[in-house]
Amino acid sequence: MELTDGGWYKTPRIIKGEDFLAHIHDTYVSGNATYVEFKASEGEIRILEYRKLYDVDTENAVLFTINTYPQESILLKNIEEYEFIQYRPQQAWKAIHMGSTKRINLEQFDQIWLDQTFQKLHPVIVNHDSKFWHVMGLKLDVDADGSSFWGLYLKRQDSDFMKEIRMSLTQKFLYNPISGSWSLDDPTQEIKDLEEIKQTLRADAILDVTVSGVPMKLIRVQEIAKGVLFFVFQDDEKNKRYYYNRPAIKLRIQTDPETGEQKYLLDHIKAMHID
């Protein structure tokens, strides 16, 4: 990412919700520590470990351990309502509570752009590829094979460079009140049916799966009894880990709207110890 002469990011790094857990994991695997400022009055705190909780009011609860003796922890009841922001390399992250984020569709975004641009004479800003862009226009179009798409036309804030982003008709947008900018929401497919989860993981030859916030390699998935899926994963240290599903098991498939890359996130499974 680009830096200023003073060593600050020109555009702050932002990691949303549960993706920050994978960042913590990768940071520790590389031999480094993660520091987070949850409250300005308390300063930065080193995260020793984290775990997802399933016995509280929300399925996105995460408990961060910050001290082992005496035991001290910080609970975020819904990590999906948070964004984690870093302003310069090697600096602590700031946890920003965004609240419950409302997503808008393309037609609503188009109306906001028309109103802000031509009625209020105010630019609409999009955060894309870690840079800020002015929205120059939107157009509903048809590609060579006859499929409809929306074209989003952007111009860099700091230059005359322009680009087009092609989006599906179901694309949604998120607003960030901290930067006053919009971003493209990652389309997410949720699967809760056991048979569909099993077939999806098998059929797509998936290797990389984030299990309760921890990236792993999928080795095997099979149904060992009616209503019971058995999973074998491999962690970064090549250790095999075994799990079975809880009743609320859920597989989420997130698709990057710009690259088409898909991420698989599996939650509500329980670890097994096999000698």
C-alpha atoms as a PDB file:
ATOM      1  CA  MET A   1       0.000   0.000   0.000  1.00  0.00           C
ATOM      2  CA  GLU A   2       1.135   3.553  -0.764  1.00  0.00           C
ATOM      3  CA  LEU A   3       2.678   5.601   2.051  1.00  0.00           C
ATOM      4  CA  THR A   4       3.063   9.336   2.614  1.00  0.00           C
ATOM      5  CA  ASP A   5       6.493  10.884   3.192  1.00  0.00           C
ATOM      6  CA  GLY A   6       5.739  10.617   6.923  1.00  0.00           C
ATOM      7  CA  GLY A   7       5.211   6.858   6.702  1.00  0.00           C
ATOM      8  CA  TRP A   8       1.391   6.874   6.961  1.00  0.00           C
ATOM      9  CA  TYR A   9      -0.892   4.939   4.635  1.00  0.00           C
ATOM     10  CA  LYS A  10      -2.391   7.264   2.012  1.00  0.00           C
ATOM     11  CA  THR A  11      -5.555   5.201   2.414  1.00  0.00           C
ATOM     12  CA  PRO A  12      -5.935   3.505   5.831  1.00  0.00           C
ATOM     13  CA  ARG A  13      -6.031  -0.302   5.908  1.00  0.00           C
ATOM     14  CA  ILE A  14      -9.509  -1.529   6.790  1.00  0.00           C
ATOM     15  CA  ILE A  15     -10.429  -5.125   7.641  1.00  0.00           C
ATOM     16  CA  LYS A  16     -14.089  -5.854   8.232  1.00  0.00           C
ATOM     17  CA  GLY A  17     -15.623  -8.150  10.801  1.00  0.00           C
ATOM     18  CA  GLU A  18     -14.605 -11.774  10.930  1.00  0.00           C
ATOM     19  CA  ASP A  19     -11.863 -11.328   8.321  1.00  0.00           C
ATOM     20  CA  PHE A  20      -9.829  -9.695  11.111  1.00  0.00           C
ATOM     21  CA  LEU A  21      -9.614 -13.056  12.896  1.00  0.00           C
ATOM     22  CA  ALA A  22      -7.819 -14.558   9.912  1.00  0.00           C
ATOM     23  CA  HIS A  23      -5.450 -11.565   9.945  1.00  0.00           C
ATOM     24  CA  ILE A  24      -4.631 -12.178  13.635  1.00  0.00           C
ATOM     25  CA  HIS A  25      -3.975 -15.844  12.881  1.00  0.00           C
ATOM     26  CA  ASP A  26      -1.691 -15.066   9.919  1.00  0.00           C
ATOM     27  CA  THR A  27       0.190 -12.441  11.953  1.00  0.00           C
ATOM     28  CA  TYR A  28       0.984 -14.921  14.730  1.00  0.00           C
ATOM     29  CA  VAL A  29       1.970 -17.626  12.245  1.00  0.00           C
ATOM     30  CA  SER A  30       4.553 -15.173  10.857  1.00  0.00           C
ATOM     31  CA  GLY A  31       5.954 -14.676  14.386  1.00  0.00           C
ATOM     32  CA  ASN A  32       4.467 -11.240  15.077  1.00  0.00           C
ATOM     33  CA  ALA A  33       1.934  -9.917  17.585  1.00  0.00           C
ATOM     34  CA  THR A  34      -1.355  -8.094  17.000  1.00  0.00           C
ATOM     35  CA  TYR A  35      -2.257  -4.998  19.010  1.00  0.00           C
ATOM     36  CA  VAL A  36      -5.759  -3.482  19.018  1.00  0.00           C
ATOM     37  CA  GLU A  37      -7.163  -0.324  20.565  1.00  0.00           C
ATOM     38  CA  PHE A  38     -10.733  -1.171  21.561  1.00  0.00           C
ATOM     39  CA  LYS A  39     -11.172   2.055  23.577  1.00  0.00           C
ATOM     40  CA  ALA A  40      -9.101   5.226  23.283  1.00  0.00           C
ATOM     41  CA  SER A  41      -9.077   5.550  27.090  1.00  0.00           C
ATOM     42  CA  GLU A  42      -7.434   2.129  27.494  1.00  0.00           C
ATOM     43  CA  GLY A  43      -4.801   2.369  24.773  1.00  0.00           C
ATOM     44  CA  GLU A  44      -3.494  -0.503  22.665  1.00  0.00           C
ATOM     45  CA  ILE A  45      -3.806  -4.082  23.919  1.00  0.00           C
ATOM     46  CA  ARG A  46      -1.983  -7.195  22.756  1.00  0.00           C
ATOM     47  CA  ILE A  47      -4.270 -10.017  21.623  1.00  0.00           C
ATOM     48  CA  LEU A  48      -3.049 -13.331  23.026  1.00  0.00           C
ATOM     49  CA  GLU A  49      -5.757 -15.497  21.495  1.00  0.00           C
ATOM     50  CA  TYR A  50      -9.372 -15.446  20.402  1.00  0.00           C
ATOM     51  CA  ARG A  51     -12.270 -17.866  20.170  1.00  0.00           C
ATOM     52  CA  LYS A  52     -15.758 -17.714  18.752  1.00  0.00           C
ATOM     53  CA  LEU A  53     -18.634 -18.231  21.173  1.00  0.00           C
ATOM     54  CA  TYR A  54     -21.872 -19.992  20.338  1.00  0.00           C
ATOM     55  CA  ASP A  55     -23.735 -19.773  23.637  1.00  0.00           C
ATOM     56  CA  VAL A  56     -24.506 -16.044  23.632  1.00  0.00           C
ATOM     57  CA  ASP A  57     -27.181 -13.930  21.949  1.00  0.00           C
ATOM     58  CA  THR A  58     -25.438 -13.656  18.579  1.00  0.00           C
ATOM     59  CA  GLU A  59     -23.655 -16.206  16.388  1.00  0.00           C
ATOM     60  CA  ASN A  60     -20.854 -13.715  15.644  1.00  0.00           C
ATOM     61  CA  ALA A  61     -19.578 -13.326  19.233  1.00  0.00           C
ATOM     62  CA  VAL A  62     -15.791 -13.400  19.723  1.00  0.00           C
ATOM     63  CA  LEU A  63     -13.824 -13.451  22.978  1.00  0.00           C
ATOM     64  CA  PHE A  64     -10.321 -11.919  22.851  1.00  0.00           C
ATOM     65  CA  THR A  65      -7.908 -12.979  25.606  1.00  0.00           C
ATOM     66  CA  ILE A  66      -5.612 -10.102  26.626  1.00  0.00           C
ATOM     67  CA  ASN A  67      -4.114 -11.514  29.843  1.00  0.00           C
ATOM     68  CA  THR A  68      -3.761 -15.047  31.215  1.00  0.00           C
ATOM     69  CA  TYR A  69      -2.953 -14.321  34.871  1.00  0.00           C
ATOM     70  CA  PRO A  70      -5.217 -12.960  36.052  1.00  0.00           C
ATOM     71  CA  GLN A  71      -7.594 -13.948  33.252  1.00  0.00           C
ATOM     72  CA  GLU A  72      -8.738 -10.889  31.283  1.00  0.00           C
ATOM     73  CA  SER A  73     -10.795 -10.882  28.118  1.00  0.00           C
ATOM     74  CA  ILE A  74     -12.743  -8.560  25.841  1.00  0.00           C
ATOM     75  CA  LEU A  75     -16.035  -9.714  24.337  1.00  0.00           C
ATOM     76  CA  LEU A  76     -17.423  -8.426  21.052  1.00  0.00           C
ATOM     77  CA  LYS A  77     -20.991  -9.691  20.838  1.00  0.00           C
ATOM     78  CA  ASN A  78     -21.105  -9.229  17.075  1.00  0.00           C
ATOM     79  CA  ILE A  79     -17.762  -8.840  15.330  1.00  0.00           C
ATOM     80  CA  GLU A  80     -19.561  -8.233  12.031  1.00  0.00           C
ATOM     81  CA  GLU A  81     -20.554  -4.806  13.383  1.00  0.00           C
ATOM     82  CA  TYR A  82     -16.882  -3.795  13.688  1.00  0.00           C
ATOM     83  CA  GLU A  83     -14.206  -2.545  11.330  1.00  0.00           C
ATOM     84  CA  PHE A  84     -10.517  -2.638  12.227  1.00  0.00           C
ATOM     85  CA  ILE A  85      -8.434   0.264  10.916  1.00  0.00           C
ATOM     86  CA  GLN A  86      -4.659   0.746  10.749  1.00  0.00           C
ATOM     87  CA  TYR A  87      -3.176   4.126   9.785  1.00  0.00           C
ATOM     88  CA  ARG A  88       0.511   3.221   9.424  1.00  0.00           C
ATOM     89  CA  PRO A  89       2.580  -0.004   9.273  1.00  0.00           C
ATOM     90  CA  GLN A  90       3.412  -1.724  12.584  1.00  0.00           C
ATOM     91  CA  GLN A  91       0.865   0.430  14.422  1.00  0.00           C
ATOM     92  CA  ALA A  92      -1.979  -0.889  16.577  1.00  0.00           C
ATOM     93  CA  TRP A  93      -5.349  -1.426  14.928  1.00  0.00           C
ATOM     94  CA  LYS A  94      -8.369   0.585  16.057  1.00  0.00           C
ATOM     95  CA  ALA A  95     -11.643  -1.296  16.565  1.00  0.00           C
ATOM     96  CA  ILE A  96     -14.489   0.874  15.285  1.00  0.00           C
ATOM     97  CA  HIS A  97     -18.056  -0.116  16.122  1.00  0.00           C
ATOM     98  CA  MET A  98     -20.001   0.582  12.937  1.00  0.00           C
ATOM     99  CA  GLY A  99     -23.290  -0.746  14.271  1.00  0.00           C
ATOM    100  CA  SER A 100     -25.651  -2.797  12.176  1.00  0.00           C
ATOM    101  CA  THR A 101     -24.697  -1.931   8.593  1.00  0.00           C
ATOM    102  CA  LYS A 102     -27.452  -1.330   6.074  1.00  0.00           C
ATOM    103  CA  ARG A 103     -26.805  -2.571   2.564  1.00  0.00           C
ATOM    104  CA  ILE A 104     -28.331  -0.858  -0.458  1.00  0.00           C
ATOM    105  CA  ASN A 105     -28.848  -2.228  -3.948  1.00  0.00           C
ATOM    106  CA  LEU A 106     -27.704  -0.780  -7.269  1.00  0.00           C
ATOM    107  CA  GLU A 107     -30.900   1.101  -7.978  1.00  0.00           C
ATOM    108  CA  GLN A 108     -30.704   2.814  -4.565  1.00  0.00           C
ATOM    109  CA  PHE A 109     -27.020   3.624  -5.079  1.00  0.00           C
ATOM    110  CA  ASP A 110     -27.801   5.069  -8.510  1.00  0.00           C
ATOM    111  CA  GLN A 111     -30.456   7.326  -6.959  1.00  0.00           C
ATOM    112  CA  ILE A 112     -28.004   8.501  -4.258  1.00  0.00           C
ATOM    113  CA  TRP A 113     -25.397   9.298  -6.923  1.00  0.00           C
ATOM    114  CA  LEU A 114     -27.907  11.285  -9.010  1.00  0.00           C
ATOM    115  CA  ASP A 115     -29.144  13.220  -5.985  1.00  0.00           C
ATOM    116  CA  GLN A 116     -25.698  13.970  -4.533  1.00  0.00           C
ATOM    117  CA  THR A 117     -24.092  14.837  -7.888  1.00  0.00           C
ATOM    118  CA  PHE A 118     -26.764  16.868  -9.658  1.00  0.00           C
ATOM    119  CA  GLN A 119     -28.922  18.197  -6.820  1.00  0.00           C
ATOM    120  CA  LYS A 120     -26.441  18.770  -3.981  1.00  0.00           C
ATOM    121  CA  LEU A 121     -23.306  19.148  -6.150  1.00  0.00           C
ATOM    122  CA  HIS A 122     -21.450  16.798  -3.818  1.00  0.00           C
ATOM    123  CA  PRO A 123     -19.171  13.958  -5.029  1.00  0.00           C
ATOM    124  CA  VAL A 124     -19.921  10.329  -4.209  1.00  0.00           C
ATOM    125  CA  ILE A 125     -16.753   8.510  -3.122  1.00  0.00           C
ATOM    126  CA  VAL A 126     -16.027   4.787  -3.498  1.00  0.00           C
ATOM    127  CA  ASN A 127     -13.218   2.975  -1.666  1.00  0.00           C
ATOM    128  CA  HIS A 128     -11.866   0.507  -4.221  1.00  0.00           C
ATOM    129  CA  ASP A 129      -8.502  -1.264  -4.364  1.00  0.00           C
ATOM    130  CA  SER A 130      -7.414   0.652  -1.209  1.00  0.00           C
ATOM    131  CA  LYS A 131      -7.869   3.984  -2.999  1.00  0.00           C
ATOM    132  CA  PHE A 132     -10.605   6.604  -3.092  1.00  0.00           C
ATOM    133  CA  TRP A 133     -12.458   7.228  -6.367  1.00  0.00           C
ATOM    134  CA  HIS A 134     -15.128   9.681  -7.567  1.00  0.00           C
ATOM    135  CA  VAL A 135     -18.193   8.053  -9.124  1.00  0.00           C
ATOM    136  CA  MET A 136     -18.528   9.421 -12.653  1.00  0.00           C
ATOM    137  CA  GLY A 137     -21.555   7.383 -13.662  1.00  0.00           C
ATOM    138  CA  LEU A 138     -23.482   4.111 -13.726  1.00  0.00           C
ATOM    139  CA  LYS A 139     -24.983   2.337 -16.723  1.00  0.00           C
ATOM    140  CA  LEU A 140     -27.110  -0.773 -17.194  1.00  0.00           C
ATOM    141  CA  ASP A 141     -25.592  -2.621 -20.159  1.00  0.00           C
ATOM    142  CA  VAL A 142     -25.432  -5.978 -21.976  1.00  0.00           C
ATOM    143  CA  ASP A 143     -22.230  -7.925 -22.660  1.00  0.00           C
ATOM    144  CA  ALA A 144     -21.322  -9.993 -25.732  1.00  0.00           C
ATOM    145  CA  ASP A 145     -23.213 -13.103 -24.616  1.00  0.00           C
ATOM    146  CA  GLY A 146     -26.413 -11.151 -23.908  1.00  0.00           C
ATOM    147  CA  SER A 147     -26.062 -11.044 -20.092  1.00  0.00           C
ATOM    148  CA  SER A 148     -27.045  -7.826 -18.351  1.00  0.00           C
ATOM    149  CA  PHE A 149     -24.649  -6.039 -16.011  1.00  0.00           C
ATOM    150  CA  TRP A 150     -24.146  -2.660 -14.359  1.00  0.00           C
ATOM    151  CA  GLY A 151     -21.075  -0.619 -15.253  1.00  0.00           C
ATOM    152  CA  LEU A 152     -19.646   1.588 -12.478  1.00  0.00           C
ATOM    153  CA  TYR A 153     -17.343   4.321 -13.818  1.00  0.00           C
ATOM    154  CA  LEU A 154     -14.739   5.641 -11.393  1.00  0.00           C
ATOM    155  CA  LYS A 155     -12.055   8.364 -11.453  1.00  0.00           C
ATOM    156  CA  ARG A 156      -9.134   8.444  -9.030  1.00  0.00           C
ATOM    157  CA  GLN A 157      -9.220  11.355  -6.579  1.00  0.00           C
ATOM    158  CA  ASP A 158      -5.538  12.124  -7.081  1.00  0.00           C
ATOM    159  CA  SER A 159      -5.285  11.737 -10.874  1.00  0.00           C
ATOM    160  CA  ASP A 160      -7.256  11.615 -14.139  1.00  0.00           C
ATOM    161  CA  PHE A 161      -7.101   7.806 -14.311  1.00  0.00           C
ATOM    162  CA  MET A 162     -10.497   6.183 -14.850  1.00  0.00           C
ATOM    163  CA  LYS A 163     -11.761   2.605 -14.860  1.00  0.00           C
ATOM    164  CA  GLU A 164     -14.951   0.592 -15.272  1.00  0.00           C
ATOM    165  CA  ILE A 165     -16.117  -2.051 -12.810  1.00  0.00           C
ATOM    166  CA  ARG A 166     -18.673  -4.538 -14.124  1.00  0.00           C
ATOM    167  CA  MET A 167     -21.156  -5.692 -11.504  1.00  0.00           C
ATOM    168  CA  SER A 168     -23.951  -8.245 -11.348  1.00  0.00           C
ATOM    169  CA  LEU A 169     -27.543  -7.035 -11.068  1.00  0.00           C
ATOM    170  CA  THR A 170     -27.610  -8.127  -7.413  1.00  0.00           C
ATOM    171  CA  GLN A 171     -24.528  -6.136  -6.322  1.00  0.00           C
ATOM    172  CA  LYS A 172     -24.918  -4.249  -3.014  1.00  0.00           C
ATOM    173  CA  PHE A 173     -23.039  -1.351  -1.414  1.00  0.00           C
ATOM    174  CA  LEU A 174     -21.926  -0.544   2.137  1.00  0.00           C
ATOM    175  CA  TYR A 175     -21.405   2.949   3.577  1.00  0.00           C
ATOM    176  CA  ASN A 176     -18.446   3.769   5.836  1.00  0.00           C
ATOM    177  CA  PRO A 177     -19.262   6.845   7.979  1.00  0.00           C
ATOM    178  CA  ILE A 178     -15.622   7.137   9.115  1.00  0.00           C
ATOM    179  CA  SER A 179     -14.287   7.889   5.620  1.00  0.00           C
ATOM    180  CA  GLY A 180     -17.571   9.050   4.092  1.00  0.00           C
ATOM    181  CA  SER A 181     -17.153   6.498   1.308  1.00  0.00           C
ATOM    182  CA  TRP A 182     -18.980   3.537  -0.198  1.00  0.00           C
ATOM    183  CA  SER A 183     -17.609   0.071  -0.942  1.00  0.00           C
ATOM    184  CA  LEU A 184     -18.835  -2.943  -2.868  1.00  0.00           C
ATOM    185  CA  ASP A 185     -20.284  -5.592  -0.579  1.00  0.00           C
ATOM    186  CA  ASP A 186     -19.008  -9.131  -1.040  1.00  0.00           C
ATOM    187  CA  PRO A 187     -21.968 -11.229  -2.226  1.00  0.00           C
ATOM    188  CA  THR A 188     -22.448 -14.065   0.259  1.00  0.00           C
ATOM    189  CA  GLN A 189     -24.257 -17.359  -0.216  1.00  0.00           C
ATOM    190  CA  GLU A 190     -25.325 -19.128   2.983  1.00  0.00           C
ATOM    191  CA  ILE A 191     -25.798 -22.906   3.090  1.00  0.00           C
ATOM    192  CA  LYS A 192     -27.296 -24.605   6.160  1.00  0.00           C
ATOM    193  CA  ASP A 193     -28.496 -27.904   4.690  1.00  0.00           C
ATOM    194  CA  LEU A 194     -26.094 -30.734   5.633  1.00  0.00           C
ATOM    195  CA  GLU A 195     -26.291 -32.563   2.333  1.00  0.00           C
ATOM    196  CA  GLU A 196     -25.769 -29.362   0.369  1.00  0.00           C
ATOM    197  CA  ILE A 197     -22.765 -28.421   2.549  1.00  0.00           C
ATOM    198  CA  LYS A 198     -21.227 -31.857   1.971  1.00  0.00           C
ATOM    199  CA  GLN A 199     -21.826 -31.821  -1.778  1.00  0.00           C
ATOM    200  CA  THR A 200     -20.594 -28.231  -2.162  1.00  0.00           C
ATOM    201  CA  LEU A 201     -17.299 -28.904  -0.404  1.00  0.00           C
ATOM    202  CA  ARG A 202     -16.795 -32.097  -2.377  1.00  0.00           C
ATOM    203  CA  ALA A 203     -17.924 -30.906  -5.793  1.00  0.00           C
ATOM    204  CA  ASP A 204     -15.875 -27.712  -5.848  1.00  0.00           C
ATOM    205  CA  ALA A 205     -12.660 -29.508  -4.846  1.00  0.00           C
ATOM    206  CA  ILE A 206     -12.192 -26.888  -2.147  1.00  0.00           C
ATOM    207  CA  LEU A 207      -8.902 -26.824  -0.250  1.00  0.00           C
ATOM    208  CA  ASP A 208      -8.910 -23.556   1.706  1.00  0.00           C
ATOM    209  CA  VAL A 209     -11.665 -23.164   4.306  1.00  0.00           C
ATOM    210  CA  THR A 210     -11.806 -20.690   7.202  1.00  0.00           C
ATOM    211  CA  VAL A 211     -13.029 -22.680  10.213  1.00  0.00           C
ATOM    212  CA  SER A 212     -14.445 -20.452  12.966  1.00  0.00           C
ATOM    213  CA  GLY A 213     -12.045 -17.716  11.900  1.00  0.00           C
ATOM    214  CA  VAL A 214      -8.958 -19.938  11.413  1.00  0.00           C
ATOM    215  CA  PRO A 215      -7.700 -20.693   7.855  1.00  0.00           C
ATOM    216  CA  MET A 216      -7.187 -24.430   7.234  1.00  0.00           C
ATOM    217  CA  LYS A 217      -6.898 -26.979   4.443  1.00  0.00           C
ATOM    218  CA  LEU A 218      -9.843 -29.328   3.946  1.00  0.00           C
ATOM    219  CA  ILE A 219      -8.755 -32.970   3.791  1.00  0.00           C
ATOM    220  CA  ARG A 220     -12.074 -34.825   3.940  1.00  0.00           C
ATOM    221  CA  VAL A 221     -15.775 -34.421   4.682  1.00  0.00           C
ATOM    222  CA  GLN A 222     -18.153 -37.341   5.084  1.00  0.00           C
ATOM    223  CA  GLU A 223     -21.480 -38.234   6.688  1.00  0.00           C
ATOM    224  CA  ILE A 224     -20.765 -40.748   9.470  1.00  0.00           C
ATOM    225  CA  ALA A 225     -24.341 -40.979  10.748  1.00  0.00           C
ATOM    226  CA  LYS A 226     -27.700 -39.472   9.900  1.00  0.00           C
ATOM    227  CA  GLY A 227     -27.400 -35.734  10.473  1.00  0.00           C
ATOM    228  CA  VAL A 228     -23.704 -35.904  11.437  1.00  0.00           C
ATOM    229  CA  LEU A 229     -20.903 -34.606   9.190  1.00  0.00           C
ATOM    230  CA  PHE A 230     -17.291 -35.452  10.011  1.00  0.00           C
ATOM    231  CA  PHE A 231     -14.534 -33.078   8.853  1.00  0.00           C
ATOM    232  CA  VAL A 232     -10.769 -33.498   8.658  1.00  0.00           C
ATOM    233  CA  PHE A 233      -8.688 -30.329   8.270  1.00  0.00           C
ATOM    234  CA  GLN A 234      -4.966 -29.561   8.279  1.00  0.00           C
ATOM    235  CA  ASP A 235      -3.643 -26.454  10.036  1.00  0.00           C
ATOM    236  CA  ASP A 236      -0.603 -24.334   9.122  1.00  0.00           C
ATOM    237  CA  GLU A 237       1.694 -26.635  11.109  1.00  0.00           C
ATOM    238  CA  LYS A 238       0.518 -29.694   9.117  1.00  0.00           C
ATOM    239  CA  ASN A 239      -1.419 -31.073  12.101  1.00  0.00           C
ATOM    240  CA  LYS A 240      -4.679 -32.829  11.334  1.00  0.00           C
ATOM    241  CA  ARG A 241      -7.744 -31.462  13.140  1.00  0.00           C
ATOM    242  CA  TYR A 242     -11.092 -33.236  13.430  1.00  0.00           C
ATOM    243  CA  TYR A 243     -14.571 -31.720  13.749  1.00  0.00           C
ATOM    244  CA  TYR A 244     -18.246 -32.624  13.626  1.00  0.00           C
ATOM    245  CA  ASN A 245     -21.195 -30.353  12.998  1.00  0.00           C
ATOM    246  CA  ARG A 246     -23.374 -28.583  15.517  1.00  0.00           C
ATOM    247  CA  PRO A 247     -27.109 -28.290  14.684  1.00  0.00           C
ATOM    248  CA  ALA A 248     -26.631 -24.661  13.560  1.00  0.00           C
ATOM    249  CA  ILE A 249     -23.762 -25.446  11.133  1.00  0.00           C
ATOM    250  CA  LYS A 250     -23.408 -22.901   8.362  1.00  0.00           C
ATOM    251  CA  LEU A 251     -21.216 -22.648   5.255  1.00  0.00           C
ATOM    252  CA  ARG A 252     -20.792 -19.182   3.784  1.00  0.00           C
ATOM    253  CA  ILE A 253     -19.382 -18.567   0.319  1.00  0.00           C
ATOM    254  CA  GLN A 254     -18.133 -15.001  -0.141  1.00  0.00           C
ATOM    255  CA  THR A 255     -17.425 -13.814  -3.675  1.00  0.00           C
ATOM    256  CA  ASP A 256     -15.149 -10.834  -4.297  1.00  0.00           C
ATOM    257  CA  PRO A 257     -17.191  -8.608  -6.650  1.00  0.00           C
ATOM    258  CA  GLU A 258     -14.039  -7.323  -8.375  1.00  0.00           C
ATOM    259  CA  THR A 259     -11.964 -10.496  -8.854  1.00  0.00           C
ATOM    260  CA  GLY A 260     -14.589 -13.245  -8.645  1.00  0.00           C
ATOM    261  CA  GLU A 261     -12.433 -15.023  -6.033  1.00  0.00           C
ATOM    262  CA  GLN A 262     -14.450 -17.098  -3.560  1.00  0.00           C
ATOM    263  CA  LYS A 263     -13.797 -17.667   0.148  1.00  0.00           C
ATOM    264  CA  TYR A 264     -15.375 -20.507   2.133  1.00  0.00           C
ATOM    265  CA  LEU A 265     -16.199 -19.939   5.810  1.00  0.00           C
ATOM    266  CA  LEU A 266     -17.487 -22.774   7.991  1.00  0.00           C
ATOM    267  CA  ASP A 267     -19.013 -22.085  11.417  1.00  0.00           C
ATOM    268  CA  HIS A 268     -20.808 -23.947  14.201  1.00  0.00           C
ATOM    269  CA  ILE A 269     -18.675 -27.075  14.186  1.00  0.00           C
ATOM    270  CA  LYS A 270     -17.120 -28.737  17.251  1.00  0.00           C
ATOM    271  CA  ALA A 271     -13.565 -30.035  17.610  1.00  0.00           C
ATOM    272  CA  MET A 272     -12.923 -33.728  18.285  1.00  0.00           C
ATOM    273  CA  HIS A 273      -9.869 -35.290  19.941  1.00  0.00           C
ATOM    274  CA  ILE A 274      -8.772 -38.532  18.303  1.00  0.00           C
ATOM    275  CA  ASP A 275      -5.834 -40.478  19.743  1.00  0.00           C
END
